[in-house]
Structures are given as C-alpha cells and as structure tokens.
Amino acid sequence: MASESSGRTFQEYLEHHLQNLVYGPLPAGHERKLYSKGEDEATKEAYCQEKNLDYDGEKYCKETLTEDGWYLANNKTDVEAMGFWAFHIDTMFFSVLLGGIFLFIFSGAARSFSLDKPTKLQLFVEMMIDFINGVVKGTFKAAQNSLIAPMALTIFFWVLLMNVMDLVPVDLIPYPAEVLGIPYLKVVPTTDLNLTAALALSVFILYLFYSVKSKGFIGFIKSISLHPFGPWMLPANLFIEIIDLIAKPLSLALRLYGNLYAGEMIFLLIAGMVSINLTSFAGLGLNLAGITLSLIWAIFHILIVVLQAFIFMMLTVVYMNMAHEKFEQH
C-alpha cells in the first residue's frame, strides 16, 4: 500500500493526510508523541534519541512538557489539548498563497492592458469579468452596489484555486514536507471546515450589514418578526426567520467543505491501492488500477471543483440580493 513507504498502516496513513498542521498552546505536564521512523526497534529508538526524546517501545517518541508553551501538534491528542486558540498553519499558508496568485495574475493582466494588441491573459480575464458581470446582472436586481461584481469575481477565483489543489497528487507535497521535518500538511484549504466557515461568516456579516443598511434597523427587525404570518404570529415568525438566517452560513460552509473533503477522501482511498511492491503481478495490478482510477476520478472531479466555486459565488450574490430587498409589510 502507499502507506508502506512510511511504515504506517493504511488507517494511520489516512489519519496523517487528514490532519492539519496545527500550532497552538500546550500546558505543562502534557505528554507529546511523535511518530518514530524505522523498520525495527533499534532504528526507531535511535531516531527518538536523535531528537532527544524517549522511545515508548512501540512506534512513538515521547516527551513530557515541563512548562506551558506554543508548539506544532504531533497528533490528535495535541490538537485536542490546544483547544480553541490554535492555528491551522497549512490552511492559512495555502489560502493566502493562492489568493496572492489570483491578485498577481489579474493585476498583471491589468498592467499589460492594451486595446491594440491584447494578450491571451488579458482576453481570458476580460472573458471571465464579462461572465461574472452577466451572472451578477441576472441575479442581483434589488439595488445598485458596485461591490457585488468584484466580490463575486474574487470569491469565484479564490475558491476555485483552493479547490484545484485537490487535483494535486495526494503525496506530491506532503511527503517531501515530512522529509523536511513538517509533520502534517494539508494542501487543500477548502477541506478545512475552519476556512469554509470563515468564508461563510464573512458573507453572512455582509448580508446582515446590507440588510440593516437597506431596510433600516427597525425595518430589519420587522422583516424577521412580522414575516411571513403577520404580527399575530410573531413567535412563529421569529423562529422561522432565525432558522433561515442560521441556515445561510451553514449551507455555504458545509456544502463547500463536504464536497471537497469527500473528493480528497476518495483520492486517498485510491492512493491506498498503490503498492510499492512492483515485483509481483498483484503489485503491478494494484498500481495500474490505482493510477487508472485516480485519473478517472480527477477528470470527473474537475467538474466538482469548478461547480462548487460557482455555487458558492452564486449563493453569495443571491444572499446579497436578498439583503438589498426592501421590506414590505402586507
């Protein structure tokens, strides 16, 4: 199996790839464990000694912290002990990096803009801007707001670039990173619920802001207390509208996260079919099957990658349109 190259079982291989690189506080007295490398007891013990750690006699190096401090998590136990104040370094790094790539490409197209001799990049950017503008004009009709189209463009391409990282072979970046001493690395930011929830909450805050701005504070309160059944059913109105409000960020966050997480899981399961033993017909057959299935799923997954970015953008525009609608009491 693919996990054989690292000495892990297949379950440990999956858990390793699904774990973020987390940095957070750990209390004094906490026992940290680090996966020991080697094929025999002596090699594993020597690996732990090189890191000035104790060997537990099975598969982990361990140490007991003598004081509070901030550390990189080595396993789920560390992550649980860190609590709320922990940062997913890999998610933050790749999301910022891909956002920077988006800005670099589009700013480059803007700097080299030419009416006489447009470059292929300029033509592509213009085509995408026209496409996004068309979508926004067809959906956002409640008011005039110059922020909506640029926001939709940014959301679509940023989420798309983060989703595209799911097409990178699952071991291509994490394995070299582990060799360099980085214990965990998830390269697909949208497989992290923290990021998709942050995006959804950002959209939700804008939704509330424009709802209050367009309707007024009193009008906003009336829209969630007097609709849809009128003033005599105020408790029912509040219950329905509050559930509807909560559902907006939840649907945005969970839809994007669930689809990309499931796609990444399938890639990992397919990677588990690949064997490092190429001397037998069974090993060659597993490799061929794994490569073929991975290619088929990657081709199909391109649709999911693009579609989920488009859906996130469309729902954002729809919610902004709802926020700008004036409240009318019937």
C-alpha atoms as a PDB file:
ATOM      1  CA  MET A   1       0.000   0.000   0.000  1.00  0.00           C
ATOM      2  CA  ALA A   2       1.039   3.660  -0.298  1.00  0.00           C
ATOM      3  CA  SER A   3       1.383   3.738   3.470  1.00  0.00           C
ATOM      4  CA  GLU A   4       4.073   1.073   3.357  1.00  0.00           C
ATOM      5  CA  SER A   5       6.666   3.629   2.286  1.00  0.00           C
ATOM      6  CA  SER A   6       6.333   5.408   5.650  1.00  0.00           C
ATOM      7  CA  GLY A   7       5.843   2.319   7.791  1.00  0.00           C
ATOM      8  CA  ARG A   8       2.284   3.300   8.663  1.00  0.00           C
ATOM      9  CA  THR A   9      -0.843   1.200   8.486  1.00  0.00           C
ATOM     10  CA  PHE A  10      -3.438   2.328   5.962  1.00  0.00           C
ATOM     11  CA  GLN A  11      -5.616   3.795   8.745  1.00  0.00           C
ATOM     12  CA  GLU A  12      -2.642   5.762  10.070  1.00  0.00           C
ATOM     13  CA  TYR A  13      -1.883   6.885   6.508  1.00  0.00           C
ATOM     14  CA  LEU A  14      -5.423   8.286   6.135  1.00  0.00           C
ATOM     15  CA  GLU A  15      -5.355   9.968   9.526  1.00  0.00           C
ATOM     16  CA  HIS A  16      -1.983  11.524   8.731  1.00  0.00           C
ATOM     17  CA  HIS A  17      -3.209  13.044   5.446  1.00  0.00           C
ATOM     18  CA  LEU A  18      -6.447  14.325   7.003  1.00  0.00           C
ATOM     19  CA  GLN A  19      -4.646  16.095   9.866  1.00  0.00           C
ATOM     20  CA  ASN A  20      -3.835  19.786   9.569  1.00  0.00           C
ATOM     21  CA  LEU A  21      -0.553  21.356  10.613  1.00  0.00           C
ATOM     22  CA  VAL A  22      -1.763  22.921  13.856  1.00  0.00           C
ATOM     23  CA  TYR A  23       0.121  25.420  16.034  1.00  0.00           C
ATOM     24  CA  GLY A  24      -1.219  26.172  19.485  1.00  0.00           C
ATOM     25  CA  PRO A  25      -0.703  26.292  23.263  1.00  0.00           C
ATOM     26  CA  LEU A  26       0.013  23.158  25.315  1.00  0.00           C
ATOM     27  CA  PRO A  27       0.079  23.023  29.127  1.00  0.00           C
ATOM     28  CA  ALA A  28       2.897  21.803  31.329  1.00  0.00           C
ATOM     29  CA  GLY A  29       2.635  18.068  32.050  1.00  0.00           C
ATOM     30  CA  HIS A  30       1.163  17.259  28.628  1.00  0.00           C
ATOM     31  CA  GLU A  31       2.750  14.181  27.039  1.00  0.00           C
ATOM     32  CA  ARG A  32       3.603  14.697  23.392  1.00  0.00           C
ATOM     33  CA  LYS A  33       4.104  11.800  20.995  1.00  0.00           C
ATOM     34  CA  LEU A  34       5.939  11.834  17.689  1.00  0.00           C
ATOM     35  CA  TYR A  35       5.714   9.013  15.152  1.00  0.00           C
ATOM     36  CA  SER A  36       9.033   7.159  15.144  1.00  0.00           C
ATOM     37  CA  LYS A  37      10.593   6.155  11.823  1.00  0.00           C
ATOM     38  CA  GLY A  38      12.309   2.854  11.132  1.00  0.00           C
ATOM     39  CA  GLU A  39      11.626  -0.769  10.313  1.00  0.00           C
ATOM     40  CA  ASP A  40      12.927  -2.300  13.569  1.00  0.00           C
ATOM     41  CA  GLU A  41      13.053  -1.429  17.269  1.00  0.00           C
ATOM     42  CA  ALA A  42      16.708  -0.350  17.204  1.00  0.00           C
ATOM     43  CA  THR A  43      16.192   2.047  14.310  1.00  0.00           C
ATOM     44  CA  LYS A  44      13.092   3.567  15.892  1.00  0.00           C
ATOM     45  CA  GLU A  45      14.852   4.004  19.237  1.00  0.00           C
ATOM     46  CA  ALA A  46      17.862   5.622  17.534  1.00  0.00           C
ATOM     47  CA  TYR A  47      15.504   8.009  15.706  1.00  0.00           C
ATOM     48  CA  CYS A  48      13.982   9.086  19.024  1.00  0.00           C
ATOM     49  CA  GLN A  49      17.410   9.512  20.628  1.00  0.00           C
ATOM     50  CA  GLU A  50      18.482  11.808  17.775  1.00  0.00           C
ATOM     51  CA  LYS A  51      15.589  14.083  18.703  1.00  0.00           C
ATOM     52  CA  ASN A  52      16.386  13.833  22.437  1.00  0.00           C
ATOM     53  CA  LEU A  53      13.101  12.012  23.062  1.00  0.00           C
ATOM     54  CA  ASP A  54      12.192   8.762  24.829  1.00  0.00           C
ATOM     55  CA  TYR A  55      11.042   5.724  22.838  1.00  0.00           C
ATOM     56  CA  ASP A  56       7.784   4.153  24.069  1.00  0.00           C
ATOM     57  CA  GLY A  57       8.755   0.664  22.879  1.00  0.00           C
ATOM     58  CA  GLU A  58       6.109   0.532  20.140  1.00  0.00           C
ATOM     59  CA  LYS A  59       6.082   3.252  17.480  1.00  0.00           C
ATOM     60  CA  TYR A  60       6.276   6.677  19.129  1.00  0.00           C
ATOM     61  CA  CYS A  61       8.871   9.025  20.544  1.00  0.00           C
ATOM     62  CA  LYS A  62       7.539  10.864  23.584  1.00  0.00           C
ATOM     63  CA  GLU A  63       8.269  13.752  25.906  1.00  0.00           C
ATOM     64  CA  THR A  64       6.512  15.374  28.852  1.00  0.00           C
ATOM     65  CA  LEU A  65       6.360  19.153  28.744  1.00  0.00           C
ATOM     66  CA  THR A  66       7.844  20.925  31.755  1.00  0.00           C
ATOM     67  CA  GLU A  67       6.254  24.326  31.055  1.00  0.00           C
ATOM     68  CA  ASP A  68       3.440  25.940  29.140  1.00  0.00           C
ATOM     69  CA  GLY A  69       4.212  26.902  25.563  1.00  0.00           C
ATOM     70  CA  TRP A  70       3.193  27.018  21.915  1.00  0.00           C
ATOM     71  CA  TYR A  71       4.009  24.009  19.776  1.00  0.00           C
ATOM     72  CA  LEU A  72       3.237  22.291  16.485  1.00  0.00           C
ATOM     73  CA  ALA A  73       0.819  19.416  17.076  1.00  0.00           C
ATOM     74  CA  ASN A  74       2.229  15.922  16.515  1.00  0.00           C
ATOM     75  CA  ASN A  75      -1.099  14.076  16.754  1.00  0.00           C
ATOM     76  CA  LYS A  76      -4.802  14.408  17.555  1.00  0.00           C
ATOM     77  CA  THR A  77      -4.104  14.366  21.297  1.00  0.00           C
ATOM     78  CA  ASP A  78      -2.047  17.528  20.936  1.00  0.00           C
ATOM     79  CA  VAL A  79      -4.770  19.195  18.834  1.00  0.00           C
ATOM     80  CA  GLU A  80      -7.445  18.379  21.418  1.00  0.00           C
ATOM     81  CA  ALA A  81      -5.273  19.741  24.240  1.00  0.00           C
ATOM     82  CA  MET A  82      -4.676  23.001  22.348  1.00  0.00           C
ATOM     83  CA  GLY A  83      -8.353  23.898  22.397  1.00  0.00           C
ATOM     84  CA  PHE A  84      -9.827  26.886  20.572  1.00  0.00           C
ATOM     85  CA  TRP A  85      -6.685  29.040  20.345  1.00  0.00           C
ATOM     86  CA  ALA A  86      -4.894  27.032  17.708  1.00  0.00           C
ATOM     87  CA  PHE A  87      -3.953  27.958  14.154  1.00  0.00           C
ATOM     88  CA  HIS A  88      -4.068  25.739  11.079  1.00  0.00           C
ATOM     89  CA  ILE A  89      -0.798  26.875   9.556  1.00  0.00           C
ATOM     90  CA  ASP A  90      -1.156  24.940   6.293  1.00  0.00           C
ATOM     91  CA  THR A  91      -4.680  26.239   5.635  1.00  0.00           C
ATOM     92  CA  MET A  92      -3.594  29.815   6.275  1.00  0.00           C
ATOM     93  CA  PHE A  93      -0.441  29.455   4.149  1.00  0.00           C
ATOM     94  CA  PHE A  94      -2.049  27.907   1.078  1.00  0.00           C
ATOM     95  CA  SER A  95      -5.143  30.133   1.168  1.00  0.00           C
ATOM     96  CA  VAL A  96      -3.025  33.301   1.358  1.00  0.00           C
ATOM     97  CA  LEU A  97      -0.630  31.959  -1.295  1.00  0.00           C
ATOM     98  CA  LEU A  98      -3.452  31.151  -3.716  1.00  0.00           C
ATOM     99  CA  GLY A  99      -5.121  34.490  -3.018  1.00  0.00           C
ATOM    100  CA  GLY A 100      -1.803  36.151  -3.842  1.00  0.00           C
ATOM    101  CA  ILE A 101      -1.565  34.177  -7.093  1.00  0.00           C
ATOM    102  CA  PHE A 102      -5.058  35.370  -8.041  1.00  0.00           C
ATOM    103  CA  LEU A 103      -4.109  39.004  -7.368  1.00  0.00           C
ATOM    104  CA  PHE A 104      -0.809  38.614  -9.237  1.00  0.00           C
ATOM    105  CA  ILE A 105      -2.478  37.183 -12.357  1.00  0.00           C
ATOM    106  CA  PHE A 106      -5.281  39.731 -12.538  1.00  0.00           C
ATOM    107  CA  SER A 107      -3.085  42.712 -11.655  1.00  0.00           C
ATOM    108  CA  GLY A 108      -0.610  41.558 -14.315  1.00  0.00           C
ATOM    109  CA  ALA A 109      -3.401  41.486 -16.876  1.00  0.00           C
ATOM    110  CA  ALA A 110      -4.450  44.999 -15.803  1.00  0.00           C
ATOM    111  CA  ARG A 111      -0.901  46.375 -16.043  1.00  0.00           C
ATOM    112  CA  SER A 112      -0.382  44.956 -19.544  1.00  0.00           C
ATOM    113  CA  PHE A 113      -3.806  46.074 -20.794  1.00  0.00           C
ATOM    114  CA  SER A 114      -3.830  47.021 -24.471  1.00  0.00           C
ATOM    115  CA  LEU A 115      -6.620  47.837 -26.915  1.00  0.00           C
ATOM    116  CA  ASP A 116      -4.433  47.252 -29.959  1.00  0.00           C
ATOM    117  CA  LYS A 117      -2.582  44.054 -29.035  1.00  0.00           C
ATOM    118  CA  PRO A 118      -4.374  42.282 -26.149  1.00  0.00           C
ATOM    119  CA  THR A 119      -2.533  39.292 -24.701  1.00  0.00           C
ATOM    120  CA  LYS A 120      -4.141  35.890 -24.214  1.00  0.00           C
ATOM    121  CA  LEU A 121      -4.169  36.534 -20.475  1.00  0.00           C
ATOM    122  CA  GLN A 122      -5.992  39.834 -20.997  1.00  0.00           C
ATOM    123  CA  LEU A 123      -8.565  38.166 -23.238  1.00  0.00           C
ATOM    124  CA  PHE A 124      -9.120  35.429 -20.658  1.00  0.00           C
ATOM    125  CA  VAL A 125      -9.520  37.935 -17.807  1.00  0.00           C
ATOM    126  CA  GLU A 126     -11.906  40.074 -19.858  1.00  0.00           C
ATOM    127  CA  MET A 127     -13.948  36.996 -20.768  1.00  0.00           C
ATOM    128  CA  MET A 128     -14.222  35.970 -17.094  1.00  0.00           C
ATOM    129  CA  ILE A 129     -15.119  39.506 -15.994  1.00  0.00           C
ATOM    130  CA  ASP A 130     -17.869  39.649 -18.631  1.00  0.00           C
ATOM    131  CA  PHE A 131     -19.112  36.243 -17.478  1.00  0.00           C
ATOM    132  CA  ILE A 132     -19.229  37.271 -13.804  1.00  0.00           C
ATOM    133  CA  ASN A 133     -20.856  40.595 -14.681  1.00  0.00           C
ATOM    134  CA  GLY A 134     -23.538  38.751 -16.651  1.00  0.00           C
ATOM    135  CA  VAL A 135     -24.235  36.424 -13.729  1.00  0.00           C
ATOM    136  CA  VAL A 136     -24.459  39.324 -11.272  1.00  0.00           C
ATOM    137  CA  LYS A 137     -26.731  41.411 -13.530  1.00  0.00           C
ATOM    138  CA  GLY A 138     -29.046  38.434 -13.972  1.00  0.00           C
ATOM    139  CA  THR A 139     -29.237  37.713 -10.228  1.00  0.00           C
ATOM    140  CA  PHE A 140     -28.595  40.947  -8.324  1.00  0.00           C
ATOM    141  CA  LYS A 141     -31.541  43.220  -9.208  1.00  0.00           C
ATOM    142  CA  ALA A 142     -32.686  44.625  -5.883  1.00  0.00           C
ATOM    143  CA  ALA A 143     -30.389  47.682  -5.895  1.00  0.00           C
ATOM    144  CA  GLN A 144     -27.178  49.206  -7.250  1.00  0.00           C
ATOM    145  CA  ASN A 145     -23.980  48.178  -5.478  1.00  0.00           C
ATOM    146  CA  SER A 146     -20.574  48.378  -7.146  1.00  0.00           C
ATOM    147  CA  LEU A 147     -19.082  45.953  -4.597  1.00  0.00           C
ATOM    148  CA  ILE A 148     -21.077  42.876  -5.645  1.00  0.00           C
ATOM    149  CA  ALA A 149     -19.432  42.070  -9.003  1.00  0.00           C
ATOM    150  CA  PRO A 150     -15.806  42.442  -7.773  1.00  0.00           C
ATOM    151  CA  MET A 151     -16.680  40.412  -4.681  1.00  0.00           C
ATOM    152  CA  ALA A 152     -18.244  37.676  -6.819  1.00  0.00           C
ATOM    153  CA  LEU A 153     -15.173  37.610  -9.089  1.00  0.00           C
ATOM    154  CA  THR A 154     -12.819  37.368  -6.107  1.00  0.00           C
ATOM    155  CA  ILE A 155     -14.840  34.644  -4.404  1.00  0.00           C
ATOM    156  CA  PHE A 156     -15.128  32.550  -7.563  1.00  0.00           C
ATOM    157  CA  PHE A 157     -11.431  32.556  -8.464  1.00  0.00           C
ATOM    158  CA  TRP A 158     -10.113  32.326  -4.917  1.00  0.00           C
ATOM    159  CA  VAL A 159     -12.339  29.360  -4.068  1.00  0.00           C
ATOM    160  CA  LEU A 160     -11.608  27.806  -7.484  1.00  0.00           C
ATOM    161  CA  LEU A 161      -7.837  27.995  -6.951  1.00  0.00           C
ATOM    162  CA  MET A 162      -8.165  26.466  -3.491  1.00  0.00           C
ATOM    163  CA  ASN A 163     -10.370  23.696  -4.899  1.00  0.00           C
ATOM    164  CA  VAL A 164      -7.924  22.984  -7.748  1.00  0.00           C
ATOM    165  CA  MET A 165      -5.315  21.967  -5.151  1.00  0.00           C
ATOM    166  CA  ASP A 166      -7.450  18.845  -4.702  1.00  0.00           C
ATOM    167  CA  LEU A 167      -6.213  17.677  -8.122  1.00  0.00           C
ATOM    168  CA  VAL A 168      -2.579  17.675  -6.956  1.00  0.00           C
ATOM    169  CA  PRO A 169      -1.456  14.059  -6.202  1.00  0.00           C
ATOM    170  CA  VAL A 170      -2.036  13.425  -2.503  1.00  0.00           C
ATOM    171  CA  ASP A 171       1.617  12.609  -1.659  1.00  0.00           C
ATOM    172  CA  LEU A 172       3.324  15.063  -4.024  1.00  0.00           C
ATOM    173  CA  ILE A 173       3.689  17.901  -1.489  1.00  0.00           C
ATOM    174  CA  PRO A 174       3.060  16.319   1.978  1.00  0.00           C
ATOM    175  CA  TYR A 175       5.714  13.587   1.611  1.00  0.00           C
ATOM    176  CA  PRO A 176       8.660  15.921   0.775  1.00  0.00           C
ATOM    177  CA  ALA A 177       7.422  18.266   3.509  1.00  0.00           C
ATOM    178  CA  GLU A 178       7.523  15.423   6.038  1.00  0.00           C
ATOM    179  CA  VAL A 179      11.061  14.546   4.959  1.00  0.00           C
ATOM    180  CA  LEU A 180      11.984  18.177   5.675  1.00  0.00           C
ATOM    181  CA  GLY A 181      10.520  17.883   9.185  1.00  0.00           C
ATOM    182  CA  ILE A 182       6.959  19.192   8.721  1.00  0.00           C
ATOM    183  CA  PRO A 183       4.811  16.540  10.447  1.00  0.00           C
ATOM    184  CA  TYR A 184       1.485  17.290   8.704  1.00  0.00           C
ATOM    185  CA  LEU A 185       0.453  19.223   5.618  1.00  0.00           C
ATOM    186  CA  LYS A 186      -2.987  19.561   4.017  1.00  0.00           C
ATOM    187  CA  VAL A 187      -2.696  21.403   0.730  1.00  0.00           C
ATOM    188  CA  VAL A 188      -6.428  21.857   0.026  1.00  0.00           C
ATOM    189  CA  PRO A 189      -7.677  24.759   2.195  1.00  0.00           C
ATOM    190  CA  THR A 190     -11.345  24.087   1.389  1.00  0.00           C
ATOM    191  CA  THR A 191     -11.128  20.644   3.024  1.00  0.00           C
ATOM    192  CA  ASP A 192     -10.734  22.530   6.311  1.00  0.00           C
ATOM    193  CA  LEU A 193     -14.083  23.459   7.877  1.00  0.00           C
ATOM    194  CA  ASN A 194     -12.433  26.396   9.640  1.00  0.00           C
ATOM    195  CA  LEU A 195     -11.733  28.100   6.312  1.00  0.00           C
ATOM    196  CA  THR A 196     -15.104  27.405   4.680  1.00  0.00           C
ATOM    197  CA  ALA A 197     -16.839  28.586   7.872  1.00  0.00           C
ATOM    198  CA  ALA A 198     -14.736  31.766   7.873  1.00  0.00           C
ATOM    199  CA  LEU A 199     -15.704  32.473   4.256  1.00  0.00           C
ATOM    200  CA  ALA A 200     -19.366  31.789   5.003  1.00  0.00           C
ATOM    201  CA  LEU A 201     -19.357  34.001   8.115  1.00  0.00           C
ATOM    202  CA  SER A 202     -17.750  36.825   6.121  1.00  0.00           C
ATOM    203  CA  VAL A 203     -20.576  36.625   3.582  1.00  0.00           C
ATOM    204  CA  PHE A 204     -23.142  36.410   6.411  1.00  0.00           C
ATOM    205  CA  ILE A 205     -21.755  39.543   8.100  1.00  0.00           C
ATOM    206  CA  LEU A 206     -22.063  41.416   4.788  1.00  0.00           C
ATOM    207  CA  TYR A 207     -25.605  40.065   4.456  1.00  0.00           C
ATOM    208  CA  LEU A 208     -26.561  41.443   7.882  1.00  0.00           C
ATOM    209  CA  PHE A 209     -24.809  44.752   7.203  1.00  0.00           C
ATOM    210  CA  TYR A 210     -26.612  45.385   3.924  1.00  0.00           C
ATOM    211  CA  SER A 211     -29.908  44.114   5.330  1.00  0.00           C
ATOM    212  CA  VAL A 212     -29.789  46.755   8.066  1.00  0.00           C
ATOM    213  CA  LYS A 213     -28.429  49.418   5.681  1.00  0.00           C
ATOM    214  CA  SER A 214     -31.141  48.909   3.035  1.00  0.00           C
ATOM    215  CA  LYS A 215     -34.113  48.294   5.352  1.00  0.00           C
ATOM    216  CA  GLY A 216     -33.021  50.297   8.359  1.00  0.00           C
ATOM    217  CA  PHE A 217     -32.652  48.697  11.791  1.00  0.00           C
ATOM    218  CA  ILE A 218     -36.384  48.851  12.509  1.00  0.00           C
ATOM    219  CA  GLY A 219     -37.186  47.533   9.045  1.00  0.00           C
ATOM    220  CA  PHE A 220     -34.769  44.627   9.525  1.00  0.00           C
ATOM    221  CA  ILE A 221     -36.371  43.733  12.873  1.00  0.00           C
ATOM    222  CA  LYS A 222     -39.792  43.871  11.215  1.00  0.00           C
ATOM    223  CA  SER A 223     -38.604  41.635   8.356  1.00  0.00           C
ATOM    224  CA  ILE A 224     -37.697  38.847  10.775  1.00  0.00           C
ATOM    225  CA  SER A 225     -40.587  39.327  13.217  1.00  0.00           C
ATOM    226  CA  LEU A 226     -43.604  40.163  11.016  1.00  0.00           C
ATOM    227  CA  HIS A 227     -42.880  37.870   8.068  1.00  0.00           C
ATOM    228  CA  PRO A 228     -44.368  35.554   6.816  1.00  0.00           C
ATOM    229  CA  PHE A 229     -47.502  35.270   9.031  1.00  0.00           C
ATOM    230  CA  GLY A 230     -48.010  38.831  10.247  1.00  0.00           C
ATOM    231  CA  PRO A 231     -47.863  40.394  13.754  1.00  0.00           C
ATOM    232  CA  TRP A 232     -50.249  37.893  15.386  1.00  0.00           C
ATOM    233  CA  MET A 233     -47.762  35.038  14.781  1.00  0.00           C
ATOM    234  CA  LEU A 234     -44.624  36.849  15.954  1.00  0.00           C
ATOM    235  CA  PRO A 235     -43.052  33.870  17.839  1.00  0.00           C
ATOM    236  CA  ALA A 236     -43.503  31.606  14.810  1.00  0.00           C
ATOM    237  CA  ASN A 237     -42.147  34.311  12.524  1.00  0.00           C
ATOM    238  CA  LEU A 238     -39.047  34.759  14.660  1.00  0.00           C
ATOM    239  CA  PHE A 239     -38.441  31.021  14.854  1.00  0.00           C
ATOM    240  CA  ILE A 240     -38.698  30.545  11.077  1.00  0.00           C
ATOM    241  CA  GLU A 241     -36.634  33.608  10.169  1.00  0.00           C
ATOM    242  CA  ILE A 242     -33.872  32.894  12.706  1.00  0.00           C
ATOM    243  CA  ILE A 243     -33.584  29.322  11.399  1.00  0.00           C
ATOM    244  CA  ASP A 244     -33.416  30.767   7.897  1.00  0.00           C
ATOM    245  CA  LEU A 245     -30.657  33.181   8.941  1.00  0.00           C
ATOM    246  CA  ILE A 246     -28.604  30.438  10.579  1.00  0.00           C
ATOM    247  CA  ALA A 247     -29.052  28.173   7.559  1.00  0.00           C
ATOM    248  CA  LYS A 248     -27.377  30.675   5.223  1.00  0.00           C
ATOM    249  CA  PRO A 249     -23.795  30.467   6.584  1.00  0.00           C
ATOM    250  CA  LEU A 250     -24.220  26.790   7.444  1.00  0.00           C
ATOM    251  CA  SER A 251     -25.240  25.886   3.900  1.00  0.00           C
ATOM    252  CA  LEU A 252     -22.345  27.877   2.425  1.00  0.00           C
ATOM    253  CA  ALA A 253     -19.729  26.392   4.741  1.00  0.00           C
ATOM    254  CA  LEU A 254     -20.871  22.772   4.835  1.00  0.00           C
ATOM    255  CA  ARG A 255     -21.628  22.406   1.117  1.00  0.00           C
ATOM    256  CA  LEU A 256     -18.147  23.513   0.048  1.00  0.00           C
ATOM    257  CA  TYR A 257     -16.383  21.639   2.844  1.00  0.00           C
ATOM    258  CA  GLY A 258     -18.346  18.410   2.402  1.00  0.00           C
ATOM    259  CA  ASN A 259     -17.832  18.137  -1.346  1.00  0.00           C
ATOM    260  CA  LEU A 260     -14.104  18.875  -1.261  1.00  0.00           C
ATOM    261  CA  TYR A 261     -13.470  16.710   1.813  1.00  0.00           C
ATOM    262  CA  ALA A 262     -15.269  13.785   0.180  1.00  0.00           C
ATOM    263  CA  GLY A 263     -13.263  14.273  -3.012  1.00  0.00           C
ATOM    264  CA  GLU A 264      -9.981  14.303  -1.088  1.00  0.00           C
ATOM    265  CA  MET A 265     -11.008  11.185   0.825  1.00  0.00           C
ATOM    266  CA  ILE A 266     -11.672   9.313  -2.429  1.00  0.00           C
ATOM    267  CA  PHE A 267      -8.240  10.316  -3.752  1.00  0.00           C
ATOM    268  CA  LEU A 268      -6.681   8.973  -0.534  1.00  0.00           C
ATOM    269  CA  LEU A 269      -8.612   5.703  -0.762  1.00  0.00           C
ATOM    270  CA  ILE A 270      -7.459   5.272  -4.359  1.00  0.00           C
ATOM    271  CA  ALA A 271      -3.877   6.090  -3.334  1.00  0.00           C
ATOM    272  CA  GLY A 272      -4.159   3.310  -0.769  1.00  0.00           C
ATOM    273  CA  MET A 273      -4.469   0.811  -3.619  1.00  0.00           C
ATOM    274  CA  VAL A 274      -0.997   1.660  -4.890  1.00  0.00           C
ATOM    275  CA  SER A 275       1.661  -0.805  -3.768  1.00  0.00           C
ATOM    276  CA  ILE A 276       5.388  -0.180  -3.525  1.00  0.00           C
ATOM    277  CA  ASN A 277       5.962  -3.845  -4.366  1.00  0.00           C
ATOM    278  CA  LEU A 278       6.475  -3.869  -8.139  1.00  0.00           C
ATOM    279  CA  THR A 279       8.000  -7.358  -8.315  1.00  0.00           C
ATOM    280  CA  SER A 280       4.692  -9.226  -8.341  1.00  0.00           C
ATOM    281  CA  PHE A 281       1.733  -9.252 -10.707  1.00  0.00           C
ATOM    282  CA  ALA A 282      -0.504  -8.255  -7.784  1.00  0.00           C
ATOM    283  CA  GLY A 283       1.627  -5.183  -7.071  1.00  0.00           C
ATOM    284  CA  LEU A 284       1.694  -4.134 -10.711  1.00  0.00           C
ATOM    285  CA  GLY A 285      -2.064  -4.705 -10.984  1.00  0.00           C
ATOM    286  CA  LEU A 286      -2.774  -2.532  -7.917  1.00  0.00           C
ATOM    287  CA  ASN A 287      -0.574   0.231  -9.265  1.00  0.00           C
ATOM    288  CA  LEU A 288      -2.273   0.153 -12.657  1.00  0.00           C
ATOM    289  CA  ALA A 289      -5.742   0.105 -11.067  1.00  0.00           C
ATOM    290  CA  GLY A 290      -4.841   2.931  -8.686  1.00  0.00           C
ATOM    291  CA  ILE A 291      -3.402   5.150 -11.410  1.00  0.00           C
ATOM    292  CA  THR A 292      -6.376   4.493 -13.717  1.00  0.00           C
ATOM    293  CA  LEU A 293      -8.976   5.173 -11.026  1.00  0.00           C
ATOM    294  CA  SER A 294      -7.118   8.274  -9.858  1.00  0.00           C
ATOM    295  CA  LEU A 295      -7.086   9.636 -13.412  1.00  0.00           C
ATOM    296  CA  ILE A 296     -10.789   8.904 -13.933  1.00  0.00           C
ATOM    297  CA  TRP A 297     -11.749  10.495 -10.629  1.00  0.00           C
ATOM    298  CA  ALA A 298      -9.516  13.528 -11.294  1.00  0.00           C
ATOM    299  CA  ILE A 299     -11.244  14.121 -14.653  1.00  0.00           C
ATOM    300  CA  PHE A 300     -14.674  13.837 -13.023  1.00  0.00           C
ATOM    301  CA  HIS A 301     -13.543  15.910 -10.045  1.00  0.00           C
ATOM    302  CA  ILE A 302     -12.699  18.870 -12.297  1.00  0.00           C
ATOM    303  CA  LEU A 303     -16.450  19.401 -12.650  1.00  0.00           C
ATOM    304  CA  ILE A 304     -16.927  19.347  -8.867  1.00  0.00           C
ATOM    305  CA  VAL A 305     -14.020  21.745  -8.319  1.00  0.00           C
ATOM    306  CA  VAL A 306     -15.444  24.336 -10.725  1.00  0.00           C
ATOM    307  CA  LEU A 307     -19.085  23.762  -9.798  1.00  0.00           C
ATOM    308  CA  GLN A 308     -18.554  24.248  -6.059  1.00  0.00           C
ATOM    309  CA  ALA A 309     -16.725  27.532  -6.636  1.00  0.00           C
ATOM    310  CA  PHE A 310     -19.553  28.698  -8.900  1.00  0.00           C
ATOM    311  CA  ILE A 311     -22.252  27.643  -6.405  1.00  0.00           C
ATOM    312  CA  PHE A 312     -20.509  29.458  -3.548  1.00  0.00           C
ATOM    313  CA  MET A 313     -20.313  32.597  -5.687  1.00  0.00           C
ATOM    314  CA  MET A 314     -23.929  32.312  -6.852  1.00  0.00           C
ATOM    315  CA  LEU A 315     -25.299  31.839  -3.343  1.00  0.00           C
ATOM    316  CA  THR A 316     -23.298  34.843  -2.180  1.00  0.00           C
ATOM    317  CA  VAL A 317     -24.840  37.021  -4.915  1.00  0.00           C
ATOM    318  CA  VAL A 318     -28.309  35.660  -4.134  1.00  0.00           C
ATOM    319  CA  TYR A 319     -27.903  36.431  -0.423  1.00  0.00           C
ATOM    320  CA  MET A 320     -26.654  39.948  -1.242  1.00  0.00           C
ATOM    321  CA  ASN A 321     -29.723  40.461  -3.441  1.00  0.00           C
ATOM    322  CA  MET A 322     -31.979  39.328  -0.583  1.00  0.00           C
ATOM    323  CA  ALA A 323     -30.183  41.709   1.784  1.00  0.00           C
ATOM    324  CA  HIS A 324     -30.853  44.689  -0.506  1.00  0.00           C
ATOM    325  CA  GLU A 325     -34.550  43.952  -0.944  1.00  0.00           C
ATOM    326  CA  LYS A 326     -36.847  46.449   0.779  1.00  0.00           C
ATOM    327  CA  PHE A 327     -39.203  45.064   3.403  1.00  0.00           C
ATOM    328  CA  GLU A 328     -42.862  45.427   2.514  1.00  0.00           C
ATOM    329  CA  GLN A 329     -45.453  44.573   5.126  1.00  0.00           C
ATOM    330  CA  HIS A 330     -48.656  43.074   3.699  1.00  0.00           C
END
